């Protein structure tokens, strides 16, 4: 399924993408207003707090840190670098018209260049935006709160912003790196695997988020909001990237197919009309029947063509 730089057939309609983006943003706002520093946040954090400044997992524990933090961050960074280099190489080879033979590019041959560019940009923007928000919210990490034997007061987010408390813990940036992989669920080339991708990404993102929760770095709401923001940005960027492809398809791609369909249909009409005239040209009733059948065939030709165009451009929803 390799291809050129241009057209990518979207499988989610523009309205669907905008709806998913809007719903995710609304849910992020609702979660911020209802969960952030709420009794639910405190209750969940208390499950992981052992007392005397100790949490369920020590932040310095080597294996959990390797598997769910430092090692995983390096793995995701390596994947991003690979996708970035692959995008540049694919674009260069296709611009020159060269065949792609490098074995290291095999994993991405099913993606078009536009899809690769979308994946790279989403994987960069999601954690960057979430990390930037942390610099403005100044929400205190659970481990630093006095109620968990820390030194900083428990304040709502707006009060933390006004007082510019030094902590920067909302939303959860680490989990957002995992949730950024939602982008793969919006890649048209992976439309048949959308459900599986969403499940895997949620499992990974929540594993990363839960690790930060059990060491006292984040509340539950921090991970929930990060997940919603990642989904919203993935859907929004998919709308930007693949909307252009849809317009290109509508304006240019179907013309040859439509012309061929019309020519075939018109030829069929002429053949049918010729046979009908040969058999019953001399009777008025037969002529009237011919006219009626001809009108029906022409109408069917028009609307059948429109039907197949709409059907071909309709969203293919896997989940």
Protein backbone atom coordinates (compact mmCIF):
# COMPACT_ATOMS: atom_id res chain seq x y z
CA UNK A 1 0.00 0.00 0.00
CA UNK A 2 2.82 2.38 -0.67
CA UNK A 3 1.98 5.57 -2.47
CA UNK A 4 2.69 9.14 -3.33
CA UNK A 5 2.91 12.23 -1.27
CA UNK A 6 -0.54 13.51 -2.21
CA UNK A 7 -3.84 11.73 -1.83
CA UNK A 8 -4.74 9.81 1.32
CA UNK A 9 -8.27 8.44 1.48
CA UNK A 10 -9.76 9.34 4.86
CA UNK A 11 -11.96 6.74 6.54
CA UNK A 12 -13.44 9.07 9.15
CA UNK A 13 -15.54 11.94 7.87
CA UNK A 14 -14.60 15.53 8.63
CA UNK A 15 -17.67 15.85 10.85
CA UNK A 16 -16.71 12.70 12.75
CA UNK A 17 -13.17 13.96 13.36
CA UNK A 18 -14.38 17.37 14.51
CA UNK A 19 -16.98 15.72 16.74
CA UNK A 20 -14.37 13.46 18.37
CA UNK A 21 -12.06 16.43 18.91
CA UNK A 22 -14.84 18.54 20.44
CA UNK A 23 -16.11 15.77 22.71
CA UNK A 24 -12.59 15.02 23.95
CA UNK A 25 -11.95 18.71 24.71
CA UNK A 26 -15.25 19.01 26.58
CA UNK A 27 -14.46 15.87 28.58
CA UNK A 28 -11.00 17.27 29.42
CA UNK A 29 -12.59 20.47 30.73
CA UNK A 30 -15.22 18.54 32.70
CA UNK A 31 -12.56 16.27 34.20
CA UNK A 32 -10.49 19.32 35.15
CA UNK A 33 -13.42 21.00 36.88
CA UNK A 34 -14.82 17.92 38.61
CA UNK A 35 -11.86 15.64 39.34
CA UNK A 36 -8.81 17.88 39.75
CA UNK A 37 -8.10 18.13 43.49
CA UNK A 38 -11.43 16.45 44.26
CA UNK A 39 -12.34 13.80 46.80
CA UNK A 40 -11.92 11.20 44.06
CA UNK A 41 -8.35 12.36 43.42
CA UNK A 42 -7.57 12.29 47.12
CA UNK A 43 -9.20 8.90 47.64
CA UNK A 44 -7.23 7.26 44.82
CA UNK A 45 -3.97 8.90 45.91
CA UNK A 46 -4.56 7.69 49.46
CA UNK A 47 -4.73 4.09 48.18
CA UNK A 48 -1.12 4.38 47.05
CA UNK A 49 0.21 6.28 50.06
CA UNK A 50 1.72 4.10 52.77
CA UNK A 51 2.39 6.85 55.30
CA UNK A 52 5.52 8.52 56.65
CA UNK A 53 6.38 9.90 53.20
CA UNK A 54 6.42 6.46 51.55
CA UNK A 55 4.43 5.49 48.48
CA UNK A 56 3.52 2.09 47.07
CA UNK A 57 6.54 2.15 44.74
CA UNK A 58 9.69 4.10 45.51
CA UNK A 59 10.64 6.61 42.86
CA UNK A 60 14.20 5.29 42.92
CA UNK A 61 13.16 1.66 42.30
CA UNK A 62 15.23 0.56 39.31
CA UNK A 63 13.00 -1.96 37.52
CA UNK A 64 9.69 -0.01 37.58
CA UNK A 65 11.57 3.11 36.48
CA UNK A 66 13.24 1.25 33.62
CA UNK A 67 10.07 -0.44 32.37
CA UNK A 68 7.56 2.38 32.85
CA UNK A 69 9.55 5.60 32.84
CA UNK A 70 13.13 6.08 31.67
CA UNK A 71 13.37 2.99 29.46
CA UNK A 72 9.94 3.56 27.94
CA UNK A 73 10.72 7.23 27.26
CA UNK A 74 13.85 6.22 25.36
CA UNK A 75 11.90 3.63 23.38
CA UNK A 76 9.24 6.17 22.38
CA UNK A 77 11.91 8.70 21.48
CA UNK A 78 13.68 6.13 19.30
CA UNK A 79 10.40 5.37 17.52
CA UNK A 80 9.80 9.08 16.91
CA UNK A 81 13.29 9.55 15.47
CA UNK A 82 12.81 6.51 13.23
CA UNK A 83 9.48 7.83 11.93
CA UNK A 84 10.97 11.28 11.33
CA UNK A 85 13.93 9.94 9.35
CA UNK A 86 11.67 7.51 7.48
CA UNK A 87 9.33 10.35 6.52
CA UNK A 88 12.18 12.43 5.12
CA UNK A 89 13.65 9.48 3.20
CA UNK A 90 10.27 8.42 1.81
CA UNK A 91 9.50 11.96 0.65
CA UNK A 92 12.93 12.28 -0.98
CA UNK A 93 12.72 8.93 -2.81
CA UNK A 94 9.21 9.56 -4.06
CA UNK A 95 10.08 13.05 -5.25
CA UNK A 96 12.97 11.59 -7.24
CA UNK A 97 10.83 8.70 -8.44
CA UNK A 98 13.18 6.12 -6.94
CA UNK A 99 12.02 2.72 -5.75
CA UNK A 100 12.24 2.15 -2.01
CA UNK A 101 14.49 -0.86 -1.39
CA UNK A 102 16.01 -0.13 2.03
CA UNK A 103 15.03 -2.86 4.48
CA UNK A 104 14.83 -0.45 7.40
CA UNK A 105 11.96 1.33 5.62
CA UNK A 106 9.89 -1.84 5.24
CA UNK A 107 7.82 -1.26 8.44
CA UNK A 108 6.47 2.03 7.07
CA UNK A 109 5.95 1.11 3.41
CA UNK A 110 2.21 0.75 3.96
CA UNK A 111 1.96 4.40 5.02
CA UNK A 112 1.85 7.32 2.62
CA UNK A 113 4.14 10.26 3.27
CA UNK A 114 1.27 12.42 4.46
CA UNK A 115 0.33 9.80 7.03
CA UNK A 116 3.91 9.58 8.27
CA UNK A 117 4.10 13.37 8.58
CA UNK A 118 0.85 13.32 10.56
CA UNK A 119 2.17 10.65 12.92
CA UNK A 120 5.44 12.50 13.52
CA UNK A 121 3.75 15.84 14.15
CA UNK A 122 1.19 14.34 16.53
CA UNK A 123 3.81 12.42 18.50
CA UNK A 124 5.73 15.68 18.92
CA UNK A 125 2.87 18.07 19.61
CA UNK A 126 0.86 16.06 22.15
CA UNK A 127 3.56 15.78 24.85
CA UNK A 128 4.85 19.27 24.02
CA UNK A 129 1.44 20.90 24.51
CA UNK A 130 0.74 18.95 27.70
CA UNK A 131 4.17 19.80 29.13
CA UNK A 132 3.61 23.45 28.24
CA UNK A 133 0.29 23.48 30.10
CA UNK A 134 2.09 22.24 33.22
CA UNK A 135 4.16 25.41 33.21
CA UNK A 136 0.97 27.49 33.60
CA UNK A 137 -1.19 25.43 35.97
CA UNK A 138 1.35 25.16 38.85
CA UNK A 139 -0.61 22.27 40.38
CA UNK A 140 1.19 20.55 43.26
CA UNK A 141 2.18 16.89 43.00
CA UNK A 142 0.61 14.62 45.66
CA UNK A 143 4.02 13.72 47.07
CA UNK A 144 4.68 17.39 47.89
CA UNK A 145 1.37 18.08 49.66
CA UNK A 146 1.20 18.49 53.42
CA UNK A 147 -1.67 15.97 53.59
CA UNK A 148 0.80 13.39 52.31
CA UNK A 149 3.60 14.59 54.59
CA UNK A 150 4.97 17.05 52.06
CA UNK A 151 5.65 20.77 52.48
CA UNK A 152 3.24 22.54 50.09
CA UNK A 153 -0.42 23.44 50.76
CA UNK A 154 -3.38 21.79 49.10
CA UNK A 155 -4.85 24.40 46.73
CA UNK A 156 -7.28 24.34 43.79
CA UNK A 157 -5.73 24.88 40.38
CA UNK A 158 -6.82 28.52 40.04
CA UNK A 159 -5.28 29.39 43.41
CA UNK A 160 -2.10 27.56 42.45
CA UNK A 161 -1.91 29.58 39.24
CA UNK A 162 -2.43 32.88 41.07
CA UNK A 163 0.22 32.07 43.67
CA UNK A 164 2.64 30.62 41.05
CA UNK A 165 3.50 27.63 43.21
CA UNK A 166 6.75 26.09 41.89
CA UNK A 167 5.29 22.61 41.26
CA UNK A 168 4.24 21.66 37.73
CA UNK A 169 2.21 18.46 37.85
CA UNK A 170 -0.96 19.00 35.81
CA UNK A 171 -1.67 17.51 33.27
CA UNK A 172 0.44 14.33 33.19
CA UNK A 173 3.17 14.80 30.58
CA UNK A 174 4.69 11.33 30.87
CA UNK A 175 1.39 9.57 30.20
CA UNK A 176 0.71 11.93 27.30
CA UNK A 177 3.70 10.46 25.47
CA UNK A 178 1.94 7.10 25.50
CA UNK A 179 -1.49 8.51 24.69
CA UNK A 180 0.04 10.36 21.72
CA UNK A 181 0.10 6.98 19.99
CA UNK A 182 -3.65 7.44 19.50
CA UNK A 183 -2.46 9.03 16.25
CA UNK A 184 -2.06 5.54 14.77
CA UNK A 185 -5.81 4.99 15.27
CA UNK A 186 -6.47 7.89 12.89
CA UNK A 187 -4.08 6.73 10.15
CA UNK A 188 -6.20 5.64 7.14
CA UNK A 189 -3.82 2.78 6.34
CA UNK A 190 -4.56 1.22 9.74
CA UNK A 191 -8.34 1.68 9.65
CA UNK A 192 -9.04 -2.05 9.98
CA UNK A 193 -7.02 -2.20 13.20
CA UNK A 194 -8.41 0.91 14.84
CA UNK A 195 -10.10 -0.91 17.71
CA UNK A 196 -6.99 -2.91 18.61
CA UNK A 197 -4.79 0.20 18.40
CA UNK A 198 -7.05 2.14 20.77
CA UNK A 199 -7.04 -0.69 23.31
CA UNK A 200 -3.24 -1.07 23.20
CA UNK A 201 -2.62 2.68 23.44
CA UNK A 202 -4.99 3.06 26.38
CA UNK A 203 -3.28 0.17 28.16
CA UNK A 204 0.15 1.71 27.56
CA UNK A 205 -0.90 5.25 28.49
CA UNK A 206 -2.61 4.14 31.67
CA UNK A 207 0.33 1.94 32.64
CA UNK A 208 2.56 5.01 32.34
CA UNK A 209 0.03 7.17 34.17
CA UNK A 210 -0.53 4.66 36.98
CA UNK A 211 3.21 4.36 37.55
CA UNK A 212 3.39 8.10 38.17
CA UNK A 213 0.37 7.84 40.47
CA UNK A 214 1.78 5.05 42.64
CA UNK A 215 5.03 6.98 43.19
CA UNK A 216 3.05 10.10 44.19
CA UNK A 217 3.76 12.29 41.18
CA UNK A 218 0.22 12.62 39.83
CA UNK A 219 -3.45 12.47 40.73
CA UNK A 220 -5.96 10.41 38.75
CA UNK A 221 -7.37 13.52 37.05
CA UNK A 222 -3.95 14.40 35.64
CA UNK A 223 -3.89 11.21 33.57
CA UNK A 224 -7.55 11.47 32.55
CA UNK A 225 -7.06 15.00 31.21
CA UNK A 226 -3.87 14.00 29.38
CA UNK A 227 -5.72 11.16 27.69
CA UNK A 228 -8.54 13.46 26.55
CA UNK A 229 -6.12 16.11 25.28
CA UNK A 230 -4.15 13.49 23.34
CA UNK A 231 -7.34 12.20 21.72
CA UNK A 232 -8.50 15.72 20.86
CA UNK A 233 -5.18 16.69 19.28
CA UNK A 234 -4.94 13.42 17.35
CA UNK A 235 -8.42 13.91 15.91
CA UNK A 236 -7.84 17.60 15.18
CA UNK A 237 -4.58 17.02 13.35
CA UNK A 238 -6.15 14.13 11.42
CA UNK A 239 -8.86 16.55 10.28
CA UNK A 240 -6.19 19.00 9.11
CA UNK A 241 -4.07 16.42 7.29
CA UNK A 242 -6.70 14.18 5.74
CA UNK A 243 -9.34 16.79 4.96
CA UNK A 244 -7.05 18.07 2.18
CA UNK A 245 -6.79 14.56 0.80
CA UNK A 246 -10.58 14.28 0.75
CA UNK A 247 -10.91 17.54 -1.18
CA UNK A 248 -8.22 16.40 -3.63
CA UNK A 249 -10.09 13.16 -4.12
CA UNK A 250 -13.41 14.88 -4.71
CA UNK A 251 -12.00 17.38 -7.20
CA UNK A 252 -9.59 15.26 -9.20
CA UNK A 253 -9.46 11.56 -8.50
CA UNK A 254 -12.94 10.34 -9.48
CA UNK A 255 -13.13 12.14 -12.83
CA UNK A 256 -11.62 9.27 -14.86
CA UNK A 257 -13.73 6.72 -13.02
CA UNK A 258 -16.93 8.75 -13.44
CA UNK A 259 -16.23 9.35 -17.15
CA UNK A 260 -15.60 5.66 -17.74
CA UNK A 261 -18.76 4.73 -15.85
CA UNK A 262 -20.84 7.17 -17.86
CA UNK A 263 -19.37 5.94 -21.17
CA UNK A 264 -20.11 2.31 -20.28
CA UNK A 265 -23.63 3.18 -19.15
CA UNK A 266 -24.34 5.24 -22.26
CA UNK A 267 -23.11 2.44 -24.52
CA UNK A 268 -25.35 0.00 -22.68
CA UNK A 269 -28.32 2.32 -23.14
CA UNK A 270 -27.64 2.61 -26.88
CA UNK A 271 -27.42 -1.17 -27.29
CA UNK A 272 -30.61 -1.75 -25.34
CA UNK A 273 -32.42 0.97 -27.27
CA UNK A 274 -31.27 -0.48 -30.60
CA UNK A 275 -32.56 -3.94 -29.75
CA UNK A 276 -35.82 -2.57 -28.48
CA UNK A 277 -36.35 -0.47 -31.62
CA UNK A 278 -35.62 -3.43 -33.89
CA UNK A 279 -38.24 -5.54 -32.15
CA UNK A 280 -41.11 -3.11 -31.71
CA UNK A 281 -40.54 0.12 -33.55
CA UNK A 282 -43.90 0.11 -35.41
CA UNK A 283 -46.25 0.11 -32.42
CA UNK A 284 -47.06 3.23 -30.42
CA UNK A 285 -47.34 1.30 -27.19
CA UNK A 286 -43.87 -0.14 -27.71
CA UNK A 287 -42.46 3.32 -28.42
CA UNK A 288 -44.01 4.66 -25.22
CA UNK A 289 -42.54 1.73 -23.30
CA UNK A 290 -39.14 2.44 -24.84
CA UNK A 291 -39.28 6.07 -23.77
CA UNK A 292 -40.27 5.15 -20.23
CA UNK A 293 -37.55 2.51 -19.95
CA UNK A 294 -34.99 4.91 -21.38
CA UNK A 295 -35.89 7.55 -18.78
CA UNK A 296 -35.64 4.98 -15.98
CA UNK A 297 -32.24 3.76 -17.23
CA UNK A 298 -30.91 7.31 -17.49
CA UNK A 299 -32.15 8.15 -14.00
CA UNK A 300 -30.66 4.94 -12.65
CA UNK A 301 -27.40 5.70 -14.41
CA UNK A 302 -27.19 9.11 -12.76
CA UNK A 303 -28.15 8.12 -9.26
CA UNK A 304 -26.28 4.81 -9.24
CA UNK A 305 -23.10 6.67 -10.16
CA UNK A 306 -23.72 9.19 -7.37
CA UNK A 307 -24.48 6.36 -4.95
CA UNK A 308 -21.19 4.57 -5.57
CA UNK A 309 -19.22 7.83 -5.28
CA UNK A 310 -20.83 8.58 -1.90
CA UNK A 311 -20.36 5.00 -0.77
CA UNK A 312 -16.68 5.06 -1.69
CA UNK A 313 -16.10 8.28 0.25
CA UNK A 314 -18.13 7.28 3.32
CA UNK A 315 -16.29 6.73 6.61
CA UNK A 316 -15.26 3.19 7.47
CA UNK A 317 -15.74 2.95 11.24
CA UNK A 318 -13.98 0.13 13.02
CA UNK A 319 -14.91 1.13 16.53
